[in-house]
Protein backbone atom coordinates (compact mmCIF):
# COMPACT_ATOMS: atom_id res chain seq x y z
CA MET A 1 153.16 79.76 111.18
CA SER A 2 155.31 81.39 113.86
CA LYS A 3 153.28 84.63 113.69
CA GLU A 4 149.96 82.87 114.01
CA LYS A 5 148.17 83.07 117.33
CA ILE A 6 145.08 81.40 118.72
CA MET A 7 142.08 83.62 118.00
CA THR A 8 139.34 81.28 119.22
CA MET A 9 139.46 78.05 121.20
CA THR A 10 136.18 76.45 122.22
CA VAL A 11 136.18 73.17 124.14
CA ASP A 12 132.95 71.48 125.20
CA SER A 13 132.66 71.45 128.99
CA ALA A 14 132.45 67.64 128.99
CA PHE A 15 135.97 67.54 127.50
CA SER A 16 137.68 70.32 129.46
CA THR A 17 140.59 68.04 130.34
CA LEU A 18 141.51 67.98 126.64
CA SER A 19 142.16 71.72 126.47
CA GLY A 20 145.92 71.23 126.47
CA PHE A 21 145.72 68.83 123.54
CA VAL A 22 143.53 71.22 121.55
CA ARG A 23 145.83 74.16 122.26
CA SER A 24 148.85 72.18 121.07
CA LEU A 25 147.38 71.19 117.67
CA PRO A 26 149.24 73.85 115.64
CA GLN A 27 152.51 72.30 116.82
CA THR A 28 151.58 68.61 116.97
CA PHE A 29 149.13 67.95 114.13
CA SER A 30 151.57 67.71 111.22
CA GLN A 31 153.83 65.12 112.85
CA GLY A 32 151.44 63.24 115.13
CA GLY A 33 148.36 61.08 114.84
CA ASN A 34 147.26 58.49 112.32
CA THR A 35 146.21 59.88 108.92
CA LEU A 36 142.68 58.83 107.94
CA TYR A 37 142.32 61.10 104.91
CA LYS A 38 144.55 63.56 103.10
CA GLY A 39 143.24 65.75 100.32
CA ARG A 40 141.85 69.25 100.32
CA ASN A 41 141.53 68.79 104.09
CA THR A 42 143.48 66.43 106.34
CA VAL A 43 141.83 64.14 108.89
CA LYS A 44 143.78 62.31 111.59
CA SER A 45 143.00 60.23 114.65
CA PHE A 46 144.78 60.76 117.97
CA CYS A 47 144.75 58.72 121.16
CA VAL A 48 144.56 61.14 124.09
CA ASP A 49 144.12 59.99 127.70
CA GLY A 50 142.62 56.71 126.56
CA ARG A 51 140.20 58.37 124.12
CA THR A 52 140.32 58.19 120.35
CA LEU A 53 139.71 61.61 118.84
CA VAL A 54 139.38 62.68 115.22
CA VAL A 55 140.90 66.00 114.19
CA LYS A 56 140.09 67.70 110.90
CA HIS A 57 142.49 70.37 109.68
CA TYR A 58 140.77 72.43 107.00
CA LYS A 59 142.52 73.76 103.94
CA ARG A 60 143.86 77.26 104.54
CA PRO A 61 141.37 79.86 103.29
CA ASN A 62 142.28 82.27 100.50
CA PRO A 63 142.47 86.02 101.27
CA VAL A 64 138.80 86.66 100.47
CA GLN A 65 137.71 83.74 102.63
CA ARG A 66 139.95 84.94 105.47
CA VAL A 67 138.07 88.24 105.54
CA ALA A 68 134.71 86.47 105.33
CA TYR A 69 135.52 84.02 108.13
CA SER A 70 136.89 86.80 110.32
CA PHE A 71 133.97 89.21 110.03
CA PHE A 72 130.94 87.87 108.16
CA LYS A 73 130.52 84.11 108.63
CA LYS A 74 131.64 81.31 110.90
CA SER A 75 134.65 79.23 109.93
CA LYS A 76 134.22 75.64 108.72
CA ALA A 77 135.51 74.38 112.07
CA ALA A 78 133.08 76.53 114.05
CA ARG A 79 130.16 75.38 111.89
CA ALA A 80 131.16 71.72 112.23
CA TYR A 81 131.18 72.16 116.02
CA LEU A 82 127.84 73.97 116.18
CA PHE A 83 126.07 71.83 113.60
CA ALA A 84 126.90 68.59 115.41
CA ALA A 85 124.82 69.71 118.39
CA MET A 86 122.04 70.99 116.12
CA LEU A 87 121.82 67.63 114.36
CA ARG A 88 121.60 65.71 117.63
CA GLN A 89 118.88 68.09 118.84
CA ARG A 90 116.89 67.09 115.75
CA GLY A 91 117.40 63.40 116.46
CA PHE A 92 120.27 62.54 114.11
CA ASN A 93 123.49 60.76 114.98
CA THR A 94 126.81 62.49 114.33
CA PRO A 95 130.18 62.21 116.08
CA ARG A 96 130.16 64.19 119.34
CA GLU A 97 131.82 67.58 118.99
CA VAL A 98 134.80 68.12 121.32
CA ALA A 99 136.38 71.42 120.29
CA TYR A 100 137.39 73.80 117.55
CA LEU A 101 140.42 76.02 117.21
CA GLU A 102 140.98 79.08 115.01
CA LEU A 103 144.35 80.69 114.35
CA GLY A 104 145.11 84.04 112.84
CA ASN A 105 147.63 86.68 111.84
CA GLY A 106 146.58 90.02 113.24
CA ILE A 107 142.79 90.31 112.93
CA LEU A 108 142.30 87.77 110.11
CA MET A 109 141.66 84.07 110.66
CA SER A 110 144.13 81.92 108.73
CA ASP A 111 143.73 78.32 109.91
CA CYS A 112 141.28 76.10 111.82
CA TYR A 113 140.80 72.66 113.33
CA PHE A 114 137.73 70.68 114.39
CA VAL A 115 137.94 67.91 117.01
CA SER A 116 135.30 65.23 117.53
CA GLU A 117 134.94 61.84 119.10
CA SER A 118 135.78 58.93 116.86
CA CYS A 119 133.09 57.07 114.92
CA MET A 120 134.86 54.27 113.06
CA LEU A 121 131.86 52.90 111.20
CA PRO A 122 131.81 52.00 107.49
CA PRO A 123 130.21 54.29 104.88
CA LEU A 124 127.16 53.22 102.91
CA THR A 125 129.22 52.89 99.73
CA GLY A 126 130.07 49.28 100.60
CA LEU A 127 126.41 48.24 100.70
CA LEU A 128 125.00 50.40 97.95
CA ARG A 129 127.70 51.09 95.38
CA ARG A 130 127.30 47.77 93.58
CA ASP A 131 124.89 46.16 91.12
CA ASP A 132 123.20 43.97 93.73
CA PHE A 133 122.79 46.78 96.26
CA ASP A 134 121.24 46.01 99.63
CA HIS A 135 117.58 46.95 99.24
CA ASP A 136 116.96 46.99 103.00
CA ALA A 137 119.79 49.51 103.39
CA ALA A 138 118.41 51.56 100.49
CA ASP A 139 114.96 51.60 102.10
CA ALA A 140 116.44 52.70 105.42
CA LEU A 141 118.43 55.41 103.64
CA ALA A 142 115.24 56.71 102.00
CA HIS A 143 113.64 57.01 105.45
CA LEU A 144 116.70 58.89 106.74
CA LEU A 145 116.62 61.34 103.83
CA ALA A 146 112.90 61.95 104.31
CA ARG A 147 113.40 62.65 108.03
CA LEU A 148 116.28 65.02 107.32
CA HIS A 149 114.23 67.11 104.92
CA GLU A 150 111.09 67.02 107.06
CA LYS A 151 113.18 68.44 109.93
CA GLY A 152 114.76 71.08 107.73
CA VAL A 153 118.26 69.63 107.50
CA MET A 154 120.12 70.14 104.22
CA HIS A 155 123.41 68.24 104.53
CA GLY A 156 125.98 70.27 102.61
CA ASP A 157 127.67 67.27 100.97
CA LEU A 158 125.04 64.57 100.89
CA ASN A 159 126.63 61.44 99.43
CA LEU A 160 127.06 57.81 100.47
CA THR A 161 130.60 58.40 101.78
CA ASN A 162 129.32 60.87 104.38
CA ILE A 163 126.66 58.52 105.76
CA LEU A 164 128.07 55.83 108.07
CA TYR A 165 126.01 52.87 109.22
CA GLU A 166 125.78 50.07 111.75
CA ARG A 167 123.40 47.15 112.03
CA THR A 168 120.96 47.26 114.92
CA ALA A 169 119.94 44.33 117.12
CA ASP A 170 116.64 43.96 115.27
CA GLY A 171 118.38 43.72 111.88
CA GLY A 172 117.76 47.31 110.90
CA PHE A 173 120.18 50.18 110.33
CA SER A 174 121.42 53.09 112.37
CA PHE A 175 123.05 55.97 110.49
CA TRP A 176 125.66 58.57 111.43
CA LEU A 177 126.28 61.78 109.47
CA ILE A 178 129.78 63.21 108.97
CA ASP A 179 131.33 66.18 107.13
CA THR A 180 128.37 68.37 108.04
CA ASN A 181 129.99 71.84 108.18
CA ARG A 182 128.31 73.04 104.97
CA SER A 183 124.82 72.05 106.09
CA LYS A 184 121.84 74.39 106.20
CA PHE A 185 118.85 74.37 108.49
CA ILE A 186 115.86 75.74 106.59
CA GLN A 187 112.26 75.05 105.61
CA PRO A 188 113.02 73.54 102.19
CA THR A 189 110.89 73.54 99.06
CA GLU A 190 110.62 70.43 96.88
CA ASP A 191 113.18 72.00 94.55
CA ASP A 192 115.55 72.62 97.49
CA CYS A 193 115.24 68.97 98.45
CA ALA A 194 115.90 67.76 94.90
CA GLU A 195 118.95 70.00 94.71
CA ASN A 196 120.19 68.56 97.98
CA LEU A 197 119.71 64.96 96.78
CA LYS A 198 121.44 65.28 93.39
CA ARG A 199 124.91 64.27 94.66
CA LEU A 200 123.74 61.25 96.63
CA THR A 201 125.01 58.81 93.99
CA HIS A 202 125.93 58.76 90.29
CA ASP A 203 124.35 55.30 89.96
CA LYS A 204 121.02 56.19 88.34
CA ARG A 205 119.50 52.78 89.09
CA LEU A 206 120.18 53.22 92.79
CA MET A 207 119.14 56.87 92.65
CA ASP A 208 115.82 55.95 91.04
CA TYR A 209 115.12 53.34 93.72
CA VAL A 210 116.03 55.50 96.74
CA ILE A 211 114.33 58.68 95.51
CA ARG A 212 111.18 56.76 94.57
CA ARG A 213 111.01 55.34 98.11
CA TYR A 214 111.83 58.79 99.56
CA ALA A 215 108.95 60.35 97.60
CA GLU A 216 106.52 57.64 98.72
CA ILE A 217 107.49 58.18 102.37
CA ARG A 218 106.94 61.94 102.05
CA GLY A 219 103.73 61.64 100.07
CA LEU A 220 105.20 63.24 96.95
CA ASP A 221 104.70 62.37 93.29
CA ALA A 222 107.35 59.69 92.81
CA ASP A 223 107.79 60.02 89.03
CA LYS A 224 108.04 63.81 89.23
CA THR A 225 110.50 63.70 92.13
CA VAL A 226 112.75 61.12 90.48
CA ALA A 227 112.74 63.04 87.19
CA LEU A 228 113.65 66.30 88.95
CA VAL A 229 116.52 64.77 90.95
CA ILE A 230 117.92 62.93 87.90
CA LYS A 231 117.73 66.14 85.86
CA LYS A 232 119.69 68.01 88.53
CA LEU A 233 122.22 65.14 88.76
CA GLU A 234 122.80 65.23 84.99
CA GLU A 235 123.24 69.01 85.04
CA PHE A 236 125.72 68.63 87.89
CA GLU A 237 127.67 65.93 86.04
CA HIS A 238 127.78 68.04 82.85
CA LYS A 239 129.01 71.10 84.73
CA ARG A 240 131.68 69.05 86.49
CA ALA A 241 132.85 67.53 83.19
CA VAL A 242 133.14 70.97 81.56
CA THR A 243 134.99 72.36 84.58
CA GLY A 244 137.31 69.34 84.57
CA LYS A 245 138.21 69.87 80.90
CA PHE A 246 138.89 73.56 81.56
CA LYS A 247 141.15 72.77 84.51
CA LYS A 248 143.00 70.13 82.50
CA ALA A 249 143.57 72.60 79.65
CA PHE A 250 144.72 75.27 82.12
CA ARG A 251 147.22 72.88 83.71
CA LYS A 252 148.53 71.93 80.28
CA ILE A 253 149.04 75.58 79.35
CA THR A 254 150.65 76.58 82.63
CA GLY A 255 152.57 73.36 83.14
CA LYS A 256 151.04 72.84 86.58
CA GLN A 257 150.43 69.31 87.79
CA LYS A 258 147.19 68.16 89.40
CA LYS A 259 147.50 68.06 93.19
CA ARG A 260 147.12 64.64 94.74
């Protein structure tokens, strides 16, 4: 860590007074803040000058990724920062980007952070991941998904956990998208859209309902669209199960424990 230097620091002009906080993250992140999530990446909240900020520290890239992020593609933090503005330009809510920071040894990027405003809303899992799911919320979700695809937005990790919601004054729903750094902005085919939707939920009853409404909104063949998405979901689940068994066998052979 001592040899790492700041390679890139971008702070939105509206948050220029937070430059010192952003610059200090390599020294302060590990010991400060309130941990919101800790896994492959770590997410913390910080109170700075009366503001609540959310900082995401991405898992350190492997050597191949370090080369890629240094010369051929933008880092996850840079994409999260840029994509937030692109989503808002297309009419979608997402936490306001504040800054991103990239560190490196020599010419290769080795670490990065993304800073945004806080959006402490609940995810859709609470309303939809149950037998008696909220049909009004499911209908509103179908409309959101249709709008995303009609505007060429392919969220890179489209699942209920990454869609936050709040009730509106008229009893409807307003949605906020998070964890958007792997998104793509393209003119999608029907197959692209089905591929994008396959990880929305593993509850096939809910999936059937939402995708059927989504297809109706977009003027697509509902039965065909549902069948295609379910097929892709089942292929995804099978692949994940096989990969999980392989990893479990590998850990058993090598004696390595699963990381928590």
